[in-house]
Amino acid sequence: MDIDPKQWAKADDWLTTVELAALTKTSRSFWDKKRGQGGGPAWCDIGNRPRYRRTDVEAWLISRSIHNTSQRGRP
């Protein structure tokens, strides 16, 4: 089975936990907890290390947008 190289995600499309924490100005432990408890963006275990696809992170962040204070605390 041949796979077209254009179908492979670019290496810079995947974020480490450290890169994700820096990008979102949060702690690494925040993302460690999200992975364990659920509720965070989808992730893959690549080389025994979690990686997040940039587009999944962006979609997750957009889904968490708050438009007024009564929406705070929603899952």
PDB file of N, CA and C in Angstrom:
ATOM      1  N   MET A   1       0.843  -1.176   0.000  1.00  0.00           N
ATOM      2  CA  MET A   1       0.000   0.000   0.000  1.00  0.00           C
ATOM      3  C   MET A   1       0.889   1.240   0.000  1.00  0.00           C
ATOM      4  N   ASP A   2       0.740   2.061  -0.998  1.00  0.00           N
ATOM      5  CA  ASP A   2       1.504   3.304  -1.090  1.00  0.00           C
ATOM      6  C   ASP A   2       0.697   4.443  -0.485  1.00  0.00           C
ATOM      7  N   ILE A   3       1.376   5.250   0.302  1.00  0.00           N
ATOM      8  CA  ILE A   3       0.736   6.415   0.903  1.00  0.00           C
ATOM      9  C   ILE A   3       1.372   7.658   0.316  1.00  0.00           C
ATOM     10  N   ASP A   4       0.538   8.513  -0.206  1.00  0.00           N
ATOM     11  CA  ASP A   4       1.004   9.769  -0.774  1.00  0.00           C
ATOM     12  C   ASP A   4       1.587  10.628   0.350  1.00  0.00           C
ATOM     13  N   PRO A   5       2.836  11.086   0.203  1.00  0.00           N
ATOM     14  CA  PRO A   5       3.452  11.909   1.258  1.00  0.00           C
ATOM     15  C   PRO A   5       2.640  13.149   1.599  1.00  0.00           C
ATOM     16  N   LYS A   6       1.832  13.643   0.674  1.00  0.00           N
ATOM     17  CA  LYS A   6       1.014  14.827   0.941  1.00  0.00           C
ATOM     18  C   LYS A   6      -0.048  14.542   2.001  1.00  0.00           C
ATOM     19  N   GLN A   7      -0.371  13.262   2.195  1.00  0.00           N
ATOM     20  CA  GLN A   7      -1.389  12.899   3.172  1.00  0.00           C
ATOM     21  C   GLN A   7      -0.843  12.886   4.594  1.00  0.00           C
ATOM     22  N   TRP A   8       0.441  12.786   4.754  1.00  0.00           N
ATOM     23  CA  TRP A   8       1.043  12.756   6.085  1.00  0.00           C
ATOM     24  C   TRP A   8       1.028  14.155   6.678  1.00  0.00           C
ATOM     25  N   ALA A   9       0.700  14.228   7.941  1.00  0.00           N
ATOM     26  CA  ALA A   9       0.744  15.525   8.614  1.00  0.00           C
ATOM     27  C   ALA A   9       2.188  15.966   8.756  1.00  0.00           C
ATOM     28  N   LYS A  10       2.405  17.238   8.594  1.00  0.00           N
ATOM     29  CA  LYS A  10       3.748  17.783   8.776  1.00  0.00           C
ATOM     30  C   LYS A  10       4.149  17.668  10.244  1.00  0.00           C
ATOM     31  N   ALA A  11       5.429  17.530  10.472  1.00  0.00           N
ATOM     32  CA  ALA A  11       5.927  17.380  11.844  1.00  0.00           C
ATOM     33  C   ALA A  11       5.543  18.572  12.712  1.00  0.00           C
ATOM     34  N   ASP A  12       5.499  19.772  12.133  1.00  0.00           N
ATOM     35  CA  ASP A  12       5.173  20.950  12.938  1.00  0.00           C
ATOM     36  C   ASP A  12       3.672  21.081  13.196  1.00  0.00           C
ATOM     37  N   ASP A  13       2.870  20.166  12.640  1.00  0.00           N
ATOM     38  CA  ASP A  13       1.441  20.152  12.933  1.00  0.00           C
ATOM     39  C   ASP A  13       1.144  19.468  14.265  1.00  0.00           C
ATOM     40  N   TRP A  14       2.131  18.795  14.832  1.00  0.00           N
ATOM     41  CA  TRP A  14       1.975  18.068  16.091  1.00  0.00           C
ATOM     42  C   TRP A  14       2.719  18.797  17.202  1.00  0.00           C
ATOM     43  N   LEU A  15       2.058  18.967  18.343  1.00  0.00           N
ATOM     44  CA  LEU A  15       2.634  19.691  19.474  1.00  0.00           C
ATOM     45  C   LEU A  15       2.931  18.740  20.624  1.00  0.00           C
ATOM     46  N   THR A  16       4.039  18.963  21.288  1.00  0.00           N
ATOM     47  CA  THR A  16       4.323  18.249  22.530  1.00  0.00           C
ATOM     48  C   THR A  16       3.524  18.923  23.647  1.00  0.00           C
ATOM     49  N   THR A  17       3.489  18.296  24.795  1.00  0.00           N
ATOM     50  CA  THR A  17       2.806  18.890  25.943  1.00  0.00           C
ATOM     51  C   THR A  17       3.468  20.206  26.342  1.00  0.00           C
ATOM     52  N   VAL A  18       4.779  20.252  26.284  1.00  0.00           N
ATOM     53  CA  VAL A  18       5.508  21.479  26.623  1.00  0.00           C
ATOM     54  C   VAL A  18       5.164  22.591  25.629  1.00  0.00           C
ATOM     55  N   GLU A  19       5.131  22.273  24.341  1.00  0.00           N
ATOM     56  CA  GLU A  19       4.782  23.267  23.324  1.00  0.00           C
ATOM     57  C   GLU A  19       3.343  23.740  23.491  1.00  0.00           C
ATOM     58  N   LEU A  20       2.444  22.805  23.798  1.00  0.00           N
ATOM     59  CA  LEU A  20       1.041  23.160  24.010  1.00  0.00           C
ATOM     60  C   LEU A  20       0.886  24.078  25.217  1.00  0.00           C
ATOM     61  N   ALA A  21       1.586  23.768  26.288  1.00  0.00           N
ATOM     62  CA  ALA A  21       1.537  24.615  27.482  1.00  0.00           C
ATOM     63  C   ALA A  21       2.054  26.021  27.176  1.00  0.00           C
ATOM     64  N   ALA A  22       3.138  26.111  26.431  1.00  0.00           N
ATOM     65  CA  ALA A  22       3.691  27.420  26.072  1.00  0.00           C
ATOM     66  C   ALA A  22       2.726  28.188  25.166  1.00  0.00           C
ATOM     67  N   LEU A  23       2.137  27.492  24.213  1.00  0.00           N
ATOM     68  CA  LEU A  23       1.210  28.121  23.270  1.00  0.00           C
ATOM     69  C   LEU A  23      -0.013  28.697  23.981  1.00  0.00           C
ATOM     70  N   THR A  24      -0.522  27.969  24.966  1.00  0.00           N
ATOM     71  CA  THR A  24      -1.738  28.381  25.667  1.00  0.00           C
ATOM     72  C   THR A  24      -1.466  29.114  26.979  1.00  0.00           C
ATOM     73  N   LYS A  25      -0.181  29.292  27.292  1.00  0.00           N
ATOM     74  CA  LYS A  25       0.217  29.971  28.537  1.00  0.00           C
ATOM     75  C   LYS A  25      -0.415  29.291  29.757  1.00  0.00           C
ATOM     76  N   THR A  26      -0.321  27.969  29.758  1.00  0.00           N
ATOM     77  CA  THR A  26      -0.793  27.153  30.871  1.00  0.00           C
ATOM     78  C   THR A  26       0.361  26.259  31.308  1.00  0.00           C
ATOM     79  N   SER A  27       0.137  25.478  32.350  1.00  0.00           N
ATOM     80  CA  SER A  27       1.196  24.586  32.824  1.00  0.00           C
ATOM     81  C   SER A  27       1.122  23.231  32.125  1.00  0.00           C
ATOM     82  N   ARG A  28       2.233  22.561  32.136  1.00  0.00           N
ATOM     83  CA  ARG A  28       2.269  21.201  31.586  1.00  0.00           C
ATOM     84  C   ARG A  28       1.341  20.288  32.392  1.00  0.00           C
ATOM     85  N   SER A  29       1.302  20.494  33.703  1.00  0.00           N
ATOM     86  CA  SER A  29       0.460  19.641  34.549  1.00  0.00           C
ATOM     87  C   SER A  29      -1.030  19.807  34.222  1.00  0.00           C
ATOM     88  N   PHE A  30      -1.427  20.982  33.751  1.00  0.00           N
ATOM     89  CA  PHE A  30      -2.815  21.187  33.323  1.00  0.00           C
ATOM     90  C   PHE A  30      -3.173  20.187  32.231  1.00  0.00           C
ATOM     91  N   TRP A  31      -2.277  20.039  31.250  1.00  0.00           N
ATOM     92  CA  TRP A  31      -2.537  19.128  30.129  1.00  0.00           C
ATOM     93  C   TRP A  31      -2.384  17.675  30.546  1.00  0.00           C
ATOM     94  N   ASP A  32      -1.482  17.402  31.482  1.00  0.00           N
ATOM     95  CA  ASP A  32      -1.361  16.044  32.017  1.00  0.00           C
ATOM     96  C   ASP A  32      -2.680  15.630  32.675  1.00  0.00           C
ATOM     97  N   LYS A  33      -3.276  16.544  33.433  1.00  0.00           N
ATOM     98  CA  LYS A  33      -4.555  16.264  34.091  1.00  0.00           C
ATOM     99  C   LYS A  33      -5.669  16.090  33.067  1.00  0.00           C
ATOM    100  N   LYS A  34      -5.692  16.939  32.048  1.00  0.00           N
ATOM    101  CA  LYS A  34      -6.723  16.820  31.005  1.00  0.00           C
ATOM    102  C   LYS A  34      -6.644  15.464  30.314  1.00  0.00           C
ATOM    103  N   ARG A  35      -5.440  14.991  30.068  1.00  0.00           N
ATOM    104  CA  ARG A  35      -5.293  13.672  29.441  1.00  0.00           C
ATOM    105  C   ARG A  35      -5.826  12.576  30.351  1.00  0.00           C
ATOM    106  N   GLY A  36      -5.539  12.674  31.633  1.00  0.00           N
ATOM    107  CA  GLY A  36      -5.957  11.648  32.581  1.00  0.00           C
ATOM    108  C   GLY A  36      -7.447  11.668  32.890  1.00  0.00           C
ATOM    109  N   GLN A  37      -8.010  12.863  32.995  1.00  0.00           N
ATOM    110  CA  GLN A  37      -9.411  13.019  33.376  1.00  0.00           C
ATOM    111  C   GLN A  37     -10.342  13.103  32.173  1.00  0.00           C
ATOM    112  N   GLY A  38      -9.784  13.412  31.021  1.00  0.00           N
ATOM    113  CA  GLY A  38     -10.620  13.650  29.850  1.00  0.00           C
ATOM    114  C   GLY A  38     -11.044  15.106  29.805  1.00  0.00           C
ATOM    115  N   GLY A  39     -11.688  15.480  28.735  1.00  0.00           N
ATOM    116  CA  GLY A  39     -12.169  16.843  28.605  1.00  0.00           C
ATOM    117  C   GLY A  39     -11.246  17.762  27.834  1.00  0.00           C
ATOM    118  N   GLY A  40     -10.082  17.286  27.445  1.00  0.00           N
ATOM    119  CA  GLY A  40      -9.151  18.088  26.660  1.00  0.00           C
ATOM    120  C   GLY A  40      -9.236  17.730  25.189  1.00  0.00           C
ATOM    121  N   PRO A  41      -8.362  18.307  24.389  1.00  0.00           N
ATOM    122  CA  PRO A  41      -8.354  17.977  22.962  1.00  0.00           C
ATOM    123  C   PRO A  41      -7.852  16.554  22.727  1.00  0.00           C
ATOM    124  N   ALA A  42      -8.206  16.005  21.583  1.00  0.00           N
ATOM    125  CA  ALA A  42      -7.727  14.673  21.210  1.00  0.00           C
ATOM    126  C   ALA A  42      -6.206  14.686  21.145  1.00  0.00           C
ATOM    127  N   TRP A  43      -5.602  13.540  21.444  1.00  0.00           N
ATOM    128  CA  TRP A  43      -4.142  13.430  21.411  1.00  0.00           C
ATOM    129  C   TRP A  43      -3.765  12.034  20.966  1.00  0.00           C
ATOM    130  N   CYS A  44      -2.545  11.894  20.522  1.00  0.00           N
ATOM    131  CA  CYS A  44      -2.007  10.603  20.085  1.00  0.00           C
ATOM    132  C   CYS A  44      -0.765  10.285  20.896  1.00  0.00           C
ATOM    133  N   ASP A  45      -0.545   9.012  21.104  1.00  0.00           N
ATOM    134  CA  ASP A  45       0.653   8.553  21.789  1.00  0.00           C
ATOM    135  C   ASP A  45       1.668   8.187  20.708  1.00  0.00           C
ATOM    136  N   ILE A  46       2.620   9.063  20.467  1.00  0.00           N
ATOM    137  CA  ILE A  46       3.620   8.854  19.418  1.00  0.00           C
ATOM    138  C   ILE A  46       4.971   8.675  20.094  1.00  0.00           C
ATOM    139  N   GLY A  47       5.557   7.523  19.900  1.00  0.00           N
ATOM    140  CA  GLY A  47       6.846   7.261  20.542  1.00  0.00           C
ATOM    141  C   GLY A  47       6.747   7.277  22.048  1.00  0.00           C
ATOM    142  N   ASN A  48       5.608   6.823  22.561  1.00  0.00           N
ATOM    143  CA  ASN A  48       5.371   6.772  23.994  1.00  0.00           C
ATOM    144  C   ASN A  48       5.299   8.156  24.637  1.00  0.00           C
ATOM    145  N   ARG A  49       4.988   9.153  23.834  1.00  0.00           N
ATOM    146  CA  ARG A  49       4.835  10.524  24.332  1.00  0.00           C
ATOM    147  C   ARG A  49       3.581  11.127  23.704  1.00  0.00           C
ATOM    148  N   PRO A  50       2.811  11.882  24.491  1.00  0.00           N
ATOM    149  CA  PRO A  50       1.594  12.477  23.939  1.00  0.00           C
ATOM    150  C   PRO A  50       1.913  13.588  22.942  1.00  0.00           C
ATOM    151  N   ARG A  51       1.148  13.608  21.868  1.00  0.00           N
ATOM    152  CA  ARG A  51       1.258  14.669  20.868  1.00  0.00           C
ATOM    153  C   ARG A  51      -0.151  15.140  20.531  1.00  0.00           C
ATOM    154  N   TYR A  52      -0.272  16.427  20.313  1.00  0.00           N
ATOM    155  CA  TYR A  52      -1.552  17.046  20.003  1.00  0.00           C
ATOM    156  C   TYR A  52      -1.498  17.637  18.602  1.00  0.00           C
ATOM    157  N   ARG A  53      -2.485  17.312  17.789  1.00  0.00           N
ATOM    158  CA  ARG A  53      -2.549  17.917  16.463  1.00  0.00           C
ATOM    159  C   ARG A  53      -3.027  19.358  16.630  1.00  0.00           C
ATOM    160  N   ARG A  54      -2.324  20.274  16.015  1.00  0.00           N
ATOM    161  CA  ARG A  54      -2.632  21.702  16.156  1.00  0.00           C
ATOM    162  C   ARG A  54      -4.101  21.997  15.827  1.00  0.00           C
ATOM    163  N   THR A  55      -4.633  21.379  14.778  1.00  0.00           N
ATOM    164  CA  THR A  55      -6.026  21.632  14.391  1.00  0.00           C
ATOM    165  C   THR A  55      -7.003  21.126  15.454  1.00  0.00           C
ATOM    166  N   ASP A  56      -6.682  20.007  16.128  1.00  0.00           N
ATOM    167  CA  ASP A  56      -7.539  19.508  17.208  1.00  0.00           C
ATOM    168  C   ASP A  56      -7.532  20.467  18.395  1.00  0.00           C
ATOM    169  N   VAL A  57      -6.369  21.015  18.699  1.00  0.00           N
ATOM    170  CA  VAL A  57      -6.261  21.977  19.799  1.00  0.00           C
ATOM    171  C   VAL A  57      -7.066  23.229  19.476  1.00  0.00           C
ATOM    172  N   GLU A  58      -6.924  23.737  18.255  1.00  0.00           N
ATOM    173  CA  GLU A  58      -7.667  24.933  17.854  1.00  0.00           C
ATOM    174  C   GLU A  58      -9.168  24.692  17.930  1.00  0.00           C
ATOM    175  N   ALA A  59      -9.629  23.538  17.444  1.00  0.00           N
ATOM    176  CA  ALA A  59     -11.058  23.214  17.485  1.00  0.00           C
ATOM    177  C   ALA A  59     -11.549  23.110  18.930  1.00  0.00           C
ATOM    178  N   TRP A  60     -10.743  22.492  19.799  1.00  0.00           N
ATOM    179  CA  TRP A  60     -11.116  22.360  21.201  1.00  0.00           C
ATOM    180  C   TRP A  60     -11.214  23.733  21.864  1.00  0.00           C
ATOM    181  N   LEU A  61     -10.243  24.591  21.596  1.00  0.00           N
ATOM    182  CA  LEU A  61     -10.270  25.933  22.178  1.00  0.00           C
ATOM    183  C   LEU A  61     -11.489  26.715  21.706  1.00  0.00           C
ATOM    184  N   ILE A  62     -11.808  26.620  20.428  1.00  0.00           N
ATOM    185  CA  ILE A  62     -12.986  27.311  19.891  1.00  0.00           C
ATOM    186  C   ILE A  62     -14.251  26.787  20.559  1.00  0.00           C
ATOM    187  N   SER A  63     -14.326  25.475  20.772  1.00  0.00           N
ATOM    188  CA  SER A  63     -15.515  24.893  21.405  1.00  0.00           C
ATOM    189  C   SER A  63     -15.673  25.357  22.849  1.00  0.00           C
ATOM    190  N   ARG A  64     -14.611  25.833  23.454  1.00  0.00           N
ATOM    191  CA  ARG A  64     -14.632  26.301  24.839  1.00  0.00           C
ATOM    192  C   ARG A  64     -14.860  27.804  24.943  1.00  0.00           C
ATOM    193  N   SER A  65     -15.122  28.468  23.827  1.00  0.00           N
ATOM    194  CA  SER A  65     -15.333  29.919  23.835  1.00  0.00           C
ATOM    195  C   SER A  65     -16.519  30.282  24.720  1.00  0.00           C
ATOM    196  N   ILE A  66     -16.356  31.348  25.469  1.00  0.00           N
ATOM    197  CA  ILE A  66     -17.402  31.838  26.367  1.00  0.00           C
ATOM    198  C   ILE A  66     -17.850  33.200  25.851  1.00  0.00           C
ATOM    199  N   HIS A  67     -19.170  33.366  25.738  1.00  0.00           N
ATOM    200  CA  HIS A  67     -19.709  34.611  25.199  1.00  0.00           C
ATOM    201  C   HIS A  67     -20.276  35.529  26.282  1.00  0.00           C
ATOM    202  N   ASN A  68     -20.562  34.968  27.450  1.00  0.00           N
ATOM    203  CA  ASN A  68     -20.990  35.795  28.575  1.00  0.00           C
ATOM    204  C   ASN A  68     -20.701  35.049  29.874  1.00  0.00           C
ATOM    205  N   THR A  69     -20.774  35.747  30.991  1.00  0.00           N
ATOM    206  CA  THR A  69     -20.363  35.155  32.266  1.00  0.00           C
ATOM    207  C   THR A  69     -21.268  34.021  32.723  1.00  0.00           C
ATOM    208  N   SER A  70     -22.499  33.949  32.243  1.00  0.00           N
ATOM    209  CA  SER A  70     -23.386  32.858  32.664  1.00  0.00           C
ATOM    210  C   SER A  70     -22.970  31.523  32.060  1.00  0.00           C
ATOM    211  N   GLN A  71     -22.091  31.541  31.078  1.00  0.00           N
ATOM    212  CA  GLN A  71     -21.625  30.307  30.451  1.00  0.00           C
ATOM    213  C   GLN A  71     -20.412  29.717  31.157  1.00  0.00           C
ATOM    214  N   ARG A  72     -19.845  30.405  32.105  1.00  0.00           N
ATOM    215  CA  ARG A  72     -18.657  29.886  32.803  1.00  0.00           C
ATOM    216  C   ARG A  72     -18.997  28.606  33.541  1.00  0.00           C
ATOM    217  N   GLY A  73     -18.013  27.722  33.599  1.00  0.00           N
ATOM    218  CA  GLY A  73     -18.184  26.480  34.330  1.00  0.00           C
ATOM    219  C   GLY A  73     -18.848  25.377  33.535  1.00  0.00           C
ATOM    220  N   ARG A  74     -19.158  25.637  32.288  1.00  0.00           N
ATOM    221  CA  ARG A  74     -19.753  24.564  31.474  1.00  0.00           C
ATOM    222  C   ARG A  74     -18.652  23.636  30.997  1.00  0.00           C
ATOM    223  N   PRO A  75     -19.003  22.382  30.748  1.00  0.00           N
ATOM    224  CA  PRO A  75     -17.958  21.430  30.316  1.00  0.00           C
ATOM    225  C   PRO A  75     -17.368  21.734  28.976  1.00  0.00           C
TER     226      PRO A  75
END
